C-alpha atoms as a PDB file:
ATOM      1  CA  MET A   1      72.526 154.968 177.259  1.00  0.00           C
ATOM      2  CA  THR A   2      71.071 157.723 175.327  1.00  0.00           C
ATOM      3  CA  ILE A   3      73.082 160.012 172.891  1.00  0.00           C
ATOM      4  CA  LEU A   4      72.573 163.491 171.948  1.00  0.00           C
ATOM      5  CA  GLN A   5      74.147 163.943 168.543  1.00  0.00           C
ATOM      6  CA  LEU A   6      74.487 167.821 167.875  1.00  0.00           C
ATOM      7  CA  VAL A   7      74.620 168.840 164.645  1.00  0.00           C
ATOM      8  CA  GLN A   8      74.667 172.343 162.983  1.00  0.00           C
ATOM      9  CA  LYS A   9      71.394 171.778 160.849  1.00  0.00           C
ATOM     10  CA  PRO A  10      69.895 169.565 158.424  1.00  0.00           C
ATOM     11  CA  GLN A  11      71.953 168.826 155.504  1.00  0.00           C
ATOM     12  CA  LEU A  12      73.231 166.226 153.361  1.00  0.00           C
ATOM     13  CA  ARG A  13      76.957 166.627 154.239  1.00  0.00           C
ATOM     14  CA  GLY A  14      80.107 166.171 156.356  1.00  0.00           C
ATOM     15  CA  ALA A  15      79.404 166.263 160.338  1.00  0.00           C
ATOM     16  CA  GLU A  16      75.754 165.453 159.636  1.00  0.00           C
ATOM     17  CA  MET A  17      75.857 162.983 157.117  1.00  0.00           C
ATOM     18  CA  PHE A  18      78.283 161.042 159.433  1.00  0.00           C
ATOM     19  CA  ALA A  19      76.207 161.834 162.467  1.00  0.00           C
ATOM     20  CA  SER A  20      73.253 160.802 161.331  1.00  0.00           C
ATOM     21  CA  GLN A  21      74.412 157.096 160.426  1.00  0.00           C
ATOM     22  CA  LEU A  22      76.623 156.686 163.262  1.00  0.00           C
ATOM     23  CA  SER A  23      73.138 157.370 165.116  1.00  0.00           C
ATOM     24  CA  THR A  24      70.948 154.517 162.787  1.00  0.00           C
ATOM     25  CA  HIS A  25      74.039 152.328 163.845  1.00  0.00           C
ATOM     26  CA  ILE A  26      73.351 153.199 167.542  1.00  0.00           C
ATOM     27  CA  ASN A  27      70.095 152.621 167.085  1.00  0.00           C
ATOM     28  CA  GLU A  28      70.190 149.347 165.514  1.00  0.00           C
ATOM     29  CA  LYS A  29      72.365 147.769 168.436  1.00  0.00           C
ATOM     30  CA  GLY A  30      69.980 148.691 171.455  1.00  0.00           C
ATOM     31  CA  ASP A  31      70.848 151.943 172.516  1.00  0.00           C
ATOM     32  CA  LYS A  32      69.014 155.754 171.527  1.00  0.00           C
ATOM     33  CA  ALA A  33      70.741 158.199 169.682  1.00  0.00           C
ATOM     34  CA  ILE A  34      68.975 161.683 168.837  1.00  0.00           C
ATOM     35  CA  LEU A  35      69.926 164.319 166.176  1.00  0.00           C
ATOM     36  CA  VAL A  36      69.532 167.753 167.697  1.00  0.00           C
ATOM     37  CA  PHE A  37      70.036 170.534 165.364  1.00  0.00           C
ATOM     38  CA  VAL A  38      70.968 173.781 166.397  1.00  0.00           C
ATOM     39  CA  PHE A  39      70.039 175.647 163.081  1.00  0.00           C
ATOM     40  CA  PRO A  40      67.279 175.765 160.479  1.00  0.00           C
ATOM     41  CA  GLY A  41      67.203 173.475 157.479  1.00  0.00           C
ATOM     42  CA  LYS A  42      65.331 171.010 155.040  1.00  0.00           C
ATOM     43  CA  ALA A  43      67.411 168.599 153.969  1.00  0.00           C
ATOM     44  CA  PRO A  44      65.881 164.955 154.411  1.00  0.00           C
ATOM     45  CA  LEU A  45      68.941 163.013 155.969  1.00  0.00           C
ATOM     46  CA  PRO A  46      69.417 159.282 156.402  1.00  0.00           C
ATOM     47  CA  PHE A  47      67.982 158.755 159.982  1.00  0.00           C
ATOM     48  CA  ALA A  48      64.790 157.493 160.627  1.00  0.00           C
ATOM     49  CA  GLY A  49      64.831 158.234 164.770  1.00  0.00           C
ATOM     50  CA  GLU A  50      63.655 160.969 167.195  1.00  0.00           C
ATOM     51  CA  THR A  51      65.557 164.541 166.052  1.00  0.00           C
ATOM     52  CA  ARG A  52      65.033 167.879 167.975  1.00  0.00           C
ATOM     53  CA  HIS A  53      65.685 171.439 166.849  1.00  0.00           C
ATOM     54  CA  LEU A  54      67.228 174.415 168.865  1.00  0.00           C
ATOM     55  CA  ASN A  55      66.095 177.207 166.053  1.00  0.00           C
ATOM     56  CA  GLY A  56      69.467 178.298 166.630  1.00  0.00           C
ATOM     57  CA  SER A  57      70.224 181.933 164.841  1.00  0.00           C
ATOM     58  CA  PRO A  58      73.058 181.840 162.466  1.00  0.00           C
ATOM     59  CA  LYS A  59      73.557 185.421 163.272  1.00  0.00           C
ATOM     60  CA  LYS A  60      73.283 184.632 166.934  1.00  0.00           C
ATOM     61  CA  ARG A  61      76.736 182.155 167.303  1.00  0.00           C
ATOM     62  CA  MET A  62      78.227 183.843 170.260  1.00  0.00           C
ATOM     63  CA  TRP A  63      75.189 184.761 172.283  1.00  0.00           C
ATOM     64  CA  ASP A  64      72.126 182.823 171.421  1.00  0.00           C
ATOM     65  CA  LEU A  65      70.138 182.324 174.627  1.00  0.00           C
ATOM     66  CA  LYS A  66      67.184 180.358 173.486  1.00  0.00           C
ATOM     67  CA  ALA A  67      68.649 178.255 171.553  1.00  0.00           C
ATOM     68  CA  TRP A  68      70.775 177.325 174.639  1.00  0.00           C
ATOM     69  CA  ARG A  69      67.961 177.266 176.941  1.00  0.00           C
ATOM     70  CA  ASN A  70      66.092 175.056 174.183  1.00  0.00           C
ATOM     71  CA  LEU A  71      68.825 172.514 174.906  1.00  0.00           C
ATOM     72  CA  ALA A  72      68.668 172.393 178.009  1.00  0.00           C
ATOM     73  CA  ARG A  73      64.934 171.858 177.906  1.00  0.00           C
ATOM     74  CA  ILE A  74      65.451 169.133 175.190  1.00  0.00           C
ATOM     75  CA  ILE A  75      68.189 167.269 177.945  1.00  0.00           C
ATOM     76  CA  LYS A  76      66.154 167.890 180.853  1.00  0.00           C
ATOM     77  CA  GLU A  77      63.823 165.955 179.002  1.00  0.00           C
ATOM     78  CA  GLU A  78      65.459 163.337 177.223  1.00  0.00           C
ATOM     79  CA  LYS A  79      67.939 162.795 180.142  1.00  0.00           C
ATOM     80  CA  PRO A  80      70.968 161.831 177.766  1.00  0.00           C
ATOM     81  CA  ASP A  81      73.972 159.828 179.217  1.00  0.00           C
ATOM     82  CA  VAL A  82      76.371 161.717 176.873  1.00  0.00           C
ATOM     83  CA  VAL A  83      75.709 164.933 174.345  1.00  0.00           C
ATOM     84  CA  GLN A  84      78.054 164.767 171.473  1.00  0.00           C
ATOM     85  CA  ALA A  85      79.214 167.904 169.586  1.00  0.00           C
ATOM     86  CA  ASN A  86      79.714 167.163 166.064  1.00  0.00           C
ATOM     87  CA  ALA A  87      82.173 170.279 164.669  1.00  0.00           C
ATOM     88  CA  GLY A  88      81.291 173.872 164.046  1.00  0.00           C
ATOM     89  CA  ASP A  89      79.302 175.632 166.184  1.00  0.00           C
ATOM     90  CA  THR A  90      77.749 172.460 168.250  1.00  0.00           C
ATOM     91  CA  LEU A  91      80.608 173.137 170.472  1.00  0.00           C
ATOM     92  CA  LYS A  92      79.846 176.510 171.603  1.00  0.00           C
ATOM     93  CA  TYR A  93      76.306 175.785 171.879  1.00  0.00           C
ATOM     94  CA  ALA A  94      76.985 172.906 174.057  1.00  0.00           C
ATOM     95  CA  VAL A  95      78.988 174.735 176.364  1.00  0.00           C
ATOM     96  CA  PHE A  96      76.961 178.004 176.730  1.00  0.00           C
ATOM     97  CA  SER A  97      74.282 175.908 177.456  1.00  0.00           C
ATOM     98  CA  LYS A  98      75.935 174.004 180.186  1.00  0.00           C
ATOM     99  CA  LEU A  99      77.360 176.502 182.119  1.00  0.00           C
ATOM    100  CA  PHE A 100      74.150 178.770 181.836  1.00  0.00           C
ATOM    101  CA  PHE A 101      71.526 176.213 183.065  1.00  0.00           C
ATOM    102  CA  LYS A 102      73.964 173.960 185.028  1.00  0.00           C
ATOM    103  CA  TRP A 103      73.077 170.402 183.242  1.00  0.00           C
ATOM    104  CA  LYS A 104      75.700 167.528 184.478  1.00  0.00           C
ATOM    105  CA  GLN A 105      75.807 165.467 181.241  1.00  0.00           C
ATOM    106  CA  PRO A 106      79.283 165.020 179.974  1.00  0.00           C
ATOM    107  CA  ILE A 107      80.368 166.439 176.877  1.00  0.00           C
ATOM    108  CA  VAL A 108      81.951 164.489 173.978  1.00  0.00           C
ATOM    109  CA  PHE A 109      83.610 166.629 170.740  1.00  0.00           C
ATOM    110  CA  ARG A 110      84.630 165.203 167.235  1.00  0.00           C
ATOM    111  CA  ASN A 111      87.611 166.930 165.685  1.00  0.00           C
ATOM    112  CA  ALA A 112      87.103 166.274 162.151  1.00  0.00           C
ATOM    113  CA  SER A 113      90.103 167.890 160.970  1.00  0.00           C
ATOM    114  CA  THR A 114      93.756 169.095 161.597  1.00  0.00           C
ATOM    115  CA  ILE A 115      92.919 172.044 163.166  1.00  0.00           C
ATOM    116  CA  SER A 116      96.210 173.977 163.895  1.00  0.00           C
ATOM    117  CA  LEU A 117      95.015 175.033 160.051  1.00  0.00           C
ATOM    118  CA  TYR A 118      92.394 177.425 161.065  1.00  0.00           C
ATOM    119  CA  ILE A 119      93.495 177.864 164.496  1.00  0.00           C
ATOM    120  CA  LYS A 120      96.435 180.206 163.975  1.00  0.00           C
ATOM    121  CA  THR A 121      96.445 183.563 166.565  1.00  0.00           C
ATOM    122  CA  THR A 122      96.497 183.049 170.121  1.00  0.00           C
ATOM    123  CA  PRO A 123      92.964 185.248 170.702  1.00  0.00           C
ATOM    124  CA  ALA A 124      91.380 182.232 168.614  1.00  0.00           C
ATOM    125  CA  LYS A 125      93.825 179.717 170.385  1.00  0.00           C
ATOM    126  CA  LEU A 126      92.636 180.960 174.024  1.00  0.00           C
ATOM    127  CA  LEU A 127      88.688 181.191 172.980  1.00  0.00           C
ATOM    128  CA  ASN A 128      88.556 177.559 171.622  1.00  0.00           C
ATOM    129  CA  GLY A 129      91.011 176.565 174.471  1.00  0.00           C
ATOM    130  CA  PHE A 130      87.980 177.666 176.944  1.00  0.00           C
ATOM    131  CA  PHE A 131      85.742 175.302 175.234  1.00  0.00           C
ATOM    132  CA  PHE A 132      87.570 172.359 174.593  1.00  0.00           C
ATOM    133  CA  LYS A 133      88.315 172.663 178.636  1.00  0.00           C
ATOM    134  CA  TYR A 134      84.142 171.384 178.791  1.00  0.00           C
ATOM    135  CA  ALA A 135      84.882 168.469 176.621  1.00  0.00           C
ATOM    136  CA  SER A 136      85.641 165.729 178.340  1.00  0.00           C
ATOM    137  CA  ARG A 137      86.498 163.638 175.143  1.00  0.00           C
ATOM    138  CA  ILE A 138      88.233 164.987 172.136  1.00  0.00           C
ATOM    139  CA  VAL A 139      87.346 162.301 169.327  1.00  0.00           C
ATOM    140  CA  SER A 140      89.634 162.973 166.648  1.00  0.00           C
ATOM    141  CA  VAL A 141      89.007 161.373 163.367  1.00  0.00           C
ATOM    142  CA  SER A 142      93.103 160.151 162.285  1.00  0.00           C
ATOM    143  CA  ARG A 143      96.096 160.028 164.095  1.00  0.00           C
ATOM    144  CA  THR A 144      97.264 162.878 162.205  1.00  0.00           C
ATOM    145  CA  SER A 145      94.177 165.029 163.600  1.00  0.00           C
ATOM    146  CA  ALA A 146      95.052 163.949 166.947  1.00  0.00           C
ATOM    147  CA  THR A 147      98.613 164.447 167.171  1.00  0.00           C
ATOM    148  CA  ASP A 148      97.569 167.698 165.845  1.00  0.00           C
ATOM    149  CA  PHE A 149      95.155 168.526 168.606  1.00  0.00           C
ATOM    150  CA  ALA A 150      97.477 167.523 171.054  1.00  0.00           C
ATOM    151  CA  LYS A 151     100.449 169.834 170.370  1.00  0.00           C
ATOM    152  CA  LEU A 152      98.014 172.988 169.866  1.00  0.00           C
ATOM    153  CA  PHE A 153      96.404 172.301 173.048  1.00  0.00           C
ATOM    154  CA  PRO A 154      98.780 169.611 175.626  1.00  0.00           C
ATOM    155  CA  GLN A 155      96.806 170.441 178.252  1.00  0.00           C
ATOM    156  CA  PHE A 156      93.987 168.227 176.938  1.00  0.00           C
ATOM    157  CA  LYS A 157      96.323 165.573 175.750  1.00  0.00           C
ATOM    158  CA  GLU A 158      94.904 162.526 178.131  1.00  0.00           C
ATOM    159  CA  ARG A 159      91.021 163.505 176.790  1.00  0.00           C
ATOM    160  CA  ILE A 160      91.509 162.716 173.283  1.00  0.00           C
ATOM    161  CA  VAL A 161      91.194 159.184 171.315  1.00  0.00           C
ATOM    162  CA  THR A 162      91.173 158.164 167.800  1.00  0.00           C
ATOM    163  CA  VAL A 163      88.001 156.868 165.941  1.00  0.00           C
ATOM    164  CA  PRO A 164      88.034 157.075 162.339  1.00  0.00           C
ATOM    165  CA  ILE A 165      85.103 158.156 160.003  1.00  0.00           C
ATOM    166  CA  GLY A 166      83.315 155.168 158.542  1.00  0.00           C
ATOM    167  CA  ILE A 167      81.237 154.673 155.549  1.00  0.00           C
ATOM    168  CA  GLU A 168      78.026 152.688 154.644  1.00  0.00           C
ATOM    169  CA  GLU A 169      78.046 149.516 152.722  1.00  0.00           C
ATOM    170  CA  ALA A 170      76.185 150.541 149.551  1.00  0.00           C
ATOM    171  CA  LEU A 171      74.325 148.547 146.832  1.00  0.00           C
ATOM    172  CA  LEU A 172      76.527 149.533 143.598  1.00  0.00           C
ATOM    173  CA  ASN A 173      74.528 147.572 140.876  1.00  0.00           C
ATOM    174  CA  ASP A 174      71.361 148.652 140.902  1.00  0.00           C
ATOM    175  CA  PRO A 175      70.318 148.379 137.204  1.00  0.00           C
ATOM    176  CA  ALA A 176      69.027 152.393 136.964  1.00  0.00           C
ATOM    177  CA  LYS A 177      71.752 153.563 138.084  1.00  0.00           C
ATOM    178  CA  GLU A 178      74.686 151.613 136.515  1.00  0.00           C
ATOM    179  CA  ASN A 179      76.234 154.667 134.793  1.00  0.00           C
ATOM    180  CA  VAL A 180      75.487 158.101 136.146  1.00  0.00           C
ATOM    181  CA  ILE A 181      77.838 159.551 133.796  1.00  0.00           C
ATOM    182  CA  PRO A 182      76.326 157.945 130.161  1.00  0.00           C
ATOM    183  CA  GLY A 183      78.421 158.841 127.052  1.00  0.00           C
ATOM    184  CA  ALA A 184      81.204 160.670 129.071  1.00  0.00           C
ATOM    185  CA  SER A 185      84.861 161.099 127.307  1.00  0.00           C
ATOM    186  CA  LYS A 186      87.327 158.292 128.707  1.00  0.00           C
ATOM    187  CA  PRO A 187      88.915 158.200 130.564  1.00  0.00           C
ATOM    188  CA  VAL A 188      86.747 159.338 132.835  1.00  0.00           C
ATOM    189  CA  LEU A 189      88.783 161.374 136.176  1.00  0.00           C
ATOM    190  CA  VAL A 190      86.068 162.491 138.810  1.00  0.00           C
ATOM    191  CA  HIS A 191      86.294 164.611 142.284  1.00  0.00           C
ATOM    192  CA  VAL A 192      83.601 164.898 145.126  1.00  0.00           C
ATOM    193  CA  GLY A 193      83.938 167.963 147.649  1.00  0.00           C
ATOM    194  CA  GLY A 194      82.455 170.657 148.490  1.00  0.00           C
ATOM    195  CA  PHE A 195      83.679 174.164 146.341  1.00  0.00           C
ATOM    196  CA  SER A 196      85.871 175.603 149.269  1.00  0.00           C
ATOM    197  CA  PHE A 197      89.847 176.453 149.067  1.00  0.00           C
ATOM    198  CA  GLU A 198      90.756 173.716 150.926  1.00  0.00           C
ATOM    199  CA  LYS A 199      89.976 171.558 147.883  1.00  0.00           C
ATOM    200  CA  ASN A 200      92.157 173.303 145.668  1.00  0.00           C
ATOM    201  CA  HIS A 201      89.716 173.615 142.718  1.00  0.00           C
ATOM    202  CA  VAL A 202      92.273 175.431 140.997  1.00  0.00           C
ATOM    203  CA  ARG A 203      95.296 173.795 141.008  1.00  0.00           C
ATOM    204  CA  LEU A 204      93.335 170.500 139.961  1.00  0.00           C
ATOM    205  CA  ILE A 205      92.367 172.356 136.530  1.00  0.00           C
ATOM    206  CA  ALA A 206      95.958 172.460 135.917  1.00  0.00           C
ATOM    207  CA  ILE A 207      96.631 168.955 137.174  1.00  0.00           C
ATOM    208  CA  PHE A 208      93.811 168.021 134.335  1.00  0.00           C
ATOM    209  CA  GLU A 209      95.887 170.034 131.669  1.00  0.00           C
ATOM    210  CA  ASN A 210      98.699 168.374 132.102  1.00  0.00           C
ATOM    211  CA  ILE A 211      96.986 165.058 132.404  1.00  0.00           C
ATOM    212  CA  LEU A 212      94.927 166.129 128.716  1.00  0.00           C
ATOM    213  CA  LYS A 213      98.411 166.301 127.208  1.00  0.00           C
ATOM    214  CA  LYS A 214      98.415 162.637 127.009  1.00  0.00           C
ATOM    215  CA  GLN A 215      95.497 161.695 127.745  1.00  0.00           C
ATOM    216  CA  PRO A 216      93.470 163.809 125.075  1.00  0.00           C
ATOM    217  CA  GLY A 217      90.231 162.372 125.853  1.00  0.00           C
ATOM    218  CA  ALA A 218      90.306 162.874 129.249  1.00  0.00           C
ATOM    219  CA  SER A 219      87.017 164.596 131.406  1.00  0.00           C
ATOM    220  CA  LEU A 220      86.506 165.535 134.427  1.00  0.00           C
ATOM    221  CA  HIS A 221      83.737 165.920 136.516  1.00  0.00           C
ATOM    222  CA  PHE A 222      82.677 167.728 139.866  1.00  0.00           C
ATOM    223  CA  VAL A 223      80.547 166.772 141.956  1.00  0.00           C
ATOM    224  CA  GLY A 224      79.710 169.208 144.605  1.00  0.00           C
ATOM    225  CA  SER A 225      78.676 172.121 145.407  1.00  0.00           C
ATOM    226  CA  GLY A 226      79.872 175.052 147.967  1.00  0.00           C
ATOM    227  CA  PRO A 227      80.731 179.023 147.565  1.00  0.00           C
ATOM    228  CA  LEU A 228      83.596 179.030 144.831  1.00  0.00           C
ATOM    229  CA  GLN A 229      81.442 176.650 142.526  1.00  0.00           C
ATOM    230  CA  ALA A 230      80.640 179.659 140.276  1.00  0.00           C
ATOM    231  CA  GLN A 231      84.655 181.244 140.163  1.00  0.00           C
ATOM    232  CA  ILE A 232      85.696 178.137 139.392  1.00  0.00           C
ATOM    233  CA  GLU A 233      83.155 177.060 136.276  1.00  0.00           C
ATOM    234  CA  GLU A 234      84.309 181.241 135.286  1.00  0.00           C
ATOM    235  CA  LEU A 235      88.087 179.071 134.809  1.00  0.00           C
ATOM    236  CA  VAL A 236      86.824 176.505 133.434  1.00  0.00           C
ATOM    237  CA  LYS A 237      85.234 179.096 130.476  1.00  0.00           C
ATOM    238  CA  GLN A 238      88.321 181.114 130.354  1.00  0.00           C
ATOM    239  CA  LYS A 239      90.741 177.999 129.479  1.00  0.00           C
ATOM    240  CA  GLY A 240      87.749 176.594 126.873  1.00  0.00           C
ATOM    241  CA  LEU A 241      87.224 173.319 128.953  1.00  0.00           C
ATOM    242  CA  GLN A 242      83.812 172.708 128.358  1.00  0.00           C
ATOM    243  CA  GLN A 243      84.073 170.053 126.731  1.00  0.00           C
ATOM    244  CA  GLN A 244      85.353 168.233 129.000  1.00  0.00           C
ATOM    245  CA  ILE A 245      84.988 169.450 132.562  1.00  0.00           C
ATOM    246  CA  TYR A 246      81.545 169.038 133.958  1.00  0.00           C
ATOM    247  CA  PHE A 247      79.688 170.168 136.796  1.00  0.00           C
ATOM    248  CA  TYR A 248      76.757 168.549 138.415  1.00  0.00           C
ATOM    249  CA  GLY A 249      76.248 170.089 142.045  1.00  0.00           C
ATOM    250  CA  PHE A 250      75.269 168.192 145.206  1.00  0.00           C
ATOM    251  CA  ARG A 251      74.433 164.651 144.678  1.00  0.00           C
ATOM    252  CA  ASN A 252      72.962 162.080 146.830  1.00  0.00           C
ATOM    253  CA  ASP A 253      74.749 159.081 144.270  1.00  0.00           C
ATOM    254  CA  ALA A 254      78.008 160.922 144.947  1.00  0.00           C
ATOM    255  CA  MET A 255      79.222 157.022 145.385  1.00  0.00           C
ATOM    256  CA  GLN A 256      77.866 155.941 142.171  1.00  0.00           C
ATOM    257  CA  PHE A 257      79.777 158.857 140.239  1.00  0.00           C
ATOM    258  CA  ILE A 258      83.057 157.277 142.045  1.00  0.00           C
ATOM    259  CA  LYS A 259      81.904 153.713 141.053  1.00  0.00           C
ATOM    260  CA  ASN A 260      81.739 155.046 137.294  1.00  0.00           C
ATOM    261  CA  ALA A 261      85.099 156.634 137.969  1.00  0.00           C
ATOM    262  CA  ASP A 262      88.557 155.352 136.098  1.00  0.00           C
ATOM    263  CA  VAL A 263      90.068 156.953 138.988  1.00  0.00           C
ATOM    264  CA  LEU A 264      89.421 159.891 142.010  1.00  0.00           C
ATOM    265  CA  LEU A 265      91.371 162.584 142.503  1.00  0.00           C
ATOM    266  CA  LEU A 266      91.876 164.154 145.329  1.00  0.00           C
ATOM    267  CA  PRO A 267      94.441 167.259 145.407  1.00  0.00           C
ATOM    268  CA  SER A 268      93.255 168.536 148.977  1.00  0.00           C
ATOM    269  CA  ILE A 269      95.488 170.857 150.849  1.00  0.00           C
ATOM    270  CA  ILE A 270      93.942 170.529 154.221  1.00  0.00           C
ATOM    271  CA  GLU A 271      92.029 167.154 154.661  1.00  0.00           C
ATOM    272  CA  GLY A 272      91.120 165.316 158.252  1.00  0.00           C
ATOM    273  CA  LEU A 273      90.129 161.652 156.552  1.00  0.00           C
ATOM    274  CA  PRO A 274      88.052 162.490 153.823  1.00  0.00           C
ATOM    275  CA  GLY A 275      85.000 159.786 153.297  1.00  0.00           C
ATOM    276  CA  VAL A 276      85.038 159.855 149.785  1.00  0.00           C
ATOM    277  CA  ILE A 277      88.478 157.873 149.884  1.00  0.00           C
ATOM    278  CA  LEU A 278      86.478 155.439 151.996  1.00  0.00           C
ATOM    279  CA  GLU A 279      84.030 155.061 149.501  1.00  0.00           C
ATOM    280  CA  ALA A 280      86.836 154.676 146.362  1.00  0.00           C
ATOM    281  CA  PHE A 281      88.174 152.333 148.134  1.00  0.00           C
ATOM    282  CA  TYR A 282      84.673 150.298 148.592  1.00  0.00           C
ATOM    283  CA  CYS A 283      83.835 151.007 144.612  1.00  0.00           C
ATOM    284  CA  LYS A 284      87.425 149.419 143.883  1.00  0.00           C
ATOM    285  CA  THR A 285      88.400 152.762 142.163  1.00  0.00           C
ATOM    286  CA  PRO A 286      91.677 153.881 142.111  1.00  0.00           C
ATOM    287  CA  VAL A 287      92.801 157.013 144.552  1.00  0.00           C
ATOM    288  CA  VAL A 288      95.226 160.048 143.812  1.00  0.00           C
ATOM    289  CA  ALA A 289      95.722 162.074 146.620  1.00  0.00           C
ATOM    290  CA  TYR A 290      97.858 164.393 147.935  1.00  0.00           C
ATOM    291  CA  ASP A 291      99.767 163.223 151.486  1.00  0.00           C
ATOM    292  CA  VAL A 292      97.687 165.685 154.036  1.00  0.00           C
ATOM    293  CA  GLY A 293      96.343 165.547 157.087  1.00  0.00           C
ATOM    294  CA  GLY A 294      95.002 161.494 157.597  1.00  0.00           C
ATOM    295  CA  ILE A 295      95.217 160.541 154.450  1.00  0.00           C
ATOM    296  CA  GLY A 296      98.711 158.739 154.544  1.00  0.00           C
ATOM    297  CA  GLU A 297      96.718 156.683 157.397  1.00  0.00           C
ATOM    298  CA  VAL A 298      94.681 154.971 154.726  1.00  0.00           C
ATOM    299  CA  VAL A 299      96.203 155.768 150.655  1.00  0.00           C
ATOM    300  CA  ILE A 300      99.309 153.620 151.495  1.00  0.00           C
ATOM    301  CA  ASN A 301     101.648 154.124 148.185  1.00  0.00           C
ATOM    302  CA  ASN A 302     101.207 151.870 145.452  1.00  0.00           C
ATOM    303  CA  LYS A 303      99.189 149.795 148.383  1.00  0.00           C
ATOM    304  CA  THR A 304      95.980 151.232 148.443  1.00  0.00           C
ATOM    305  CA  GLY A 305      96.303 154.214 146.456  1.00  0.00           C
ATOM    306  CA  TYR A 306      98.617 156.769 144.678  1.00  0.00           C
ATOM    307  CA  LEU A 307     100.314 159.126 147.681  1.00  0.00           C
ATOM    308  CA  VAL A 308     101.560 162.372 146.167  1.00  0.00           C
ATOM    309  CA  PRO A 309     103.555 164.826 148.117  1.00  0.00           C
ATOM    310  CA  LYS A 310     101.289 168.204 148.972  1.00  0.00           C
ATOM    311  CA  GLY A 311     101.667 170.645 146.189  1.00  0.00           C
ATOM    312  CA  ASN A 312     103.402 168.314 143.520  1.00  0.00           C
ATOM    313  CA  GLU A 313     101.404 169.154 140.731  1.00  0.00           C
ATOM    314  CA  GLU A 314     103.198 166.967 138.097  1.00  0.00           C
ATOM    315  CA  ILE A 315     103.763 163.926 140.470  1.00  0.00           C
ATOM    316  CA  PHE A 316     100.164 163.917 140.813  1.00  0.00           C
ATOM    317  CA  ALA A 317      99.425 163.771 136.906  1.00  0.00           C
ATOM    318  CA  ASP A 318     101.981 161.285 136.474  1.00  0.00           C
ATOM    319  CA  ARG A 319     100.384 159.034 139.343  1.00  0.00           C
ATOM    320  CA  VAL A 320      96.877 159.713 137.235  1.00  0.00           C
ATOM    321  CA  LEU A 321      98.551 158.509 134.165  1.00  0.00           C
ATOM    322  CA  ALA A 322      99.648 155.101 136.004  1.00  0.00           C
ATOM    323  CA  ALA A 323      96.780 155.100 138.054  1.00  0.00           C
ATOM    324  CA  LEU A 324      94.463 154.886 134.068  1.00  0.00           C
ATOM    325  CA  ASP A 325      97.049 150.772 133.345  1.00  0.00           C
ATOM    326  CA  LYS A 326      95.036 147.912 133.706  1.00  0.00           C
ATOM    327  CA  THR A 327      98.380 146.395 135.468  1.00  0.00           C
ATOM    328  CA  PRO A 328      97.854 143.214 137.827  1.00  0.00           C
ATOM    329  CA  GLU A 329      99.943 145.547 140.103  1.00  0.00           C
ATOM    330  CA  ASN A 330      96.539 147.937 139.936  1.00  0.00           C
ATOM    331  CA  GLN A 331      94.245 145.586 140.172  1.00  0.00           C
ATOM    332  CA  GLN A 332      96.273 144.261 143.174  1.00  0.00           C
ATOM    333  CA  LEU A 333      96.019 148.091 144.317  1.00  0.00           C
ATOM    334  CA  VAL A 334      92.191 148.462 144.159  1.00  0.00           C
ATOM    335  CA  GLN A 335      91.654 144.803 146.322  1.00  0.00           C
ATOM    336  CA  HIS A 336      94.157 145.968 149.346  1.00  0.00           C
ATOM    337  CA  ALA A 337      92.070 149.309 149.443  1.00  0.00           C
ATOM    338  CA  TRP A 338      88.923 147.053 149.650  1.00  0.00           C
ATOM    339  CA  GLY A 339      89.870 144.450 152.273  1.00  0.00           C
ATOM    340  CA  LEU A 340      91.156 147.766 154.140  1.00  0.00           C
ATOM    341  CA  VAL A 341      87.405 149.457 154.439  1.00  0.00           C
ATOM    342  CA  MET A 342      85.796 146.231 154.659  1.00  0.00           C
ATOM    343  CA  SER A 343      87.871 144.979 158.015  1.00  0.00           C
ATOM    344  CA  GLU A 344      87.871 148.715 159.715  1.00  0.00           C
ATOM    345  CA  TYR A 345      86.076 151.442 158.247  1.00  0.00           C
ATOM    346  CA  LEU A 346      82.032 150.249 158.116  1.00  0.00           C
ATOM    347  CA  ASN A 347      80.048 152.370 160.061  1.00  0.00           C
ATOM    348  CA  ALA A 348      78.823 149.471 161.986  1.00  0.00           C
ATOM    349  CA  ASN A 349      82.316 148.586 163.137  1.00  0.00           C
ATOM    350  CA  ILE A 350      82.552 152.290 164.107  1.00  0.00           C
ATOM    351  CA  ALA A 351      79.451 152.660 166.198  1.00  0.00           C
ATOM    352  CA  LYS A 352      80.946 150.217 168.455  1.00  0.00           C
ATOM    353  CA  LYS A 353      84.102 152.445 169.052  1.00  0.00           C
ATOM    354  CA  PHE A 354      82.384 156.194 169.534  1.00  0.00           C
ATOM    355  CA  LEU A 355      79.579 153.442 171.944  1.00  0.00           C
ATOM    356  CA  ASP A 356      83.058 152.119 174.142  1.00  0.00           C
ATOM    357  CA  VAL A 357      84.009 156.743 174.195  1.00  0.00           C
ATOM    358  CA  TYR A 358      80.676 157.117 175.628  1.00  0.00           C
ATOM    359  CA  GLU A 359      80.798 154.247 178.477  1.00  0.00           C
ATOM    360  CA  SER A 360      84.346 155.722 179.171  1.00  0.00           C
ATOM    361  CA  VAL A 361      82.681 159.124 180.469  1.00  0.00           C
ATOM    362  CA  LYS A 362      79.041 158.681 181.194  1.00  0.00           C
ATOM    363  CA  LYS A 363      78.186 159.536 184.772  1.00  0.00           C
END
């Protein structure tokens, strides 16, 4: 079986990273995955298989006939059994290409978020519903995302399946990478994620200020980049917290930061099922997170992590302080979390679930 994995561009984040890892495991299982990039980019994704490019224009997202034709040409040459659209604009490109150039392969759409938080107007709902009509399966990253999708688009309820995100097993005891934040003031708190409004960085800084009242030596480390980074850096300067809060930008070794942290903090206000939580589970680093999206499906309060009602910053700070205690209960918590990710969330197993989805729709 051959699968085209359609992603936005070569970039080491989100859907692109997951599609690369998924494609690697599909190839290892004896099938064939081809990464197809809609827009140009240069990031070296972790995928050694075949890649193709549509050379789409970011300025022509709703009318890019050349890119649609390029996708149709690739489909004619490769004869895939399935085309998977991995979020973003990829479904639009797949649908328009299919309509204009009449190829027959089924489209699988991967829904990696809680879409009702983005699709809020009737015109947006109608437009997106038009594209979803051409998806033979809608693969949601969590049960919460699946339920949300079915509520917004009940006409597609029978097409929805749930396949979670997975993570790669990693070598975390490399002496050369044993501590990527040497000399950091203890306790070390880490946040990994892009600088976007969903990640809630402004309020995370407020939470950190509350933590400092009881843990004055604490340090907070931001791993990631994005459009709001400069704004957050300026806020840190205004508050005089430059000696307690550090910025690292995008890093390929983000999991090493998680491993070297005492707690991972995730106060997001919108999420699907963030892989960074699974990485923390794998690293045996405690997690404190808001109960949004699919987070509560893996962060079981007081069993695999600390789950906090959305927006309750006082409780969030208290839970971080609780997670820092070296108690038998916390040791058991991280062991439960590690066992969960090892049994259910490794990409090698997730790939098999995707292959089952492809088998169910291929013609």
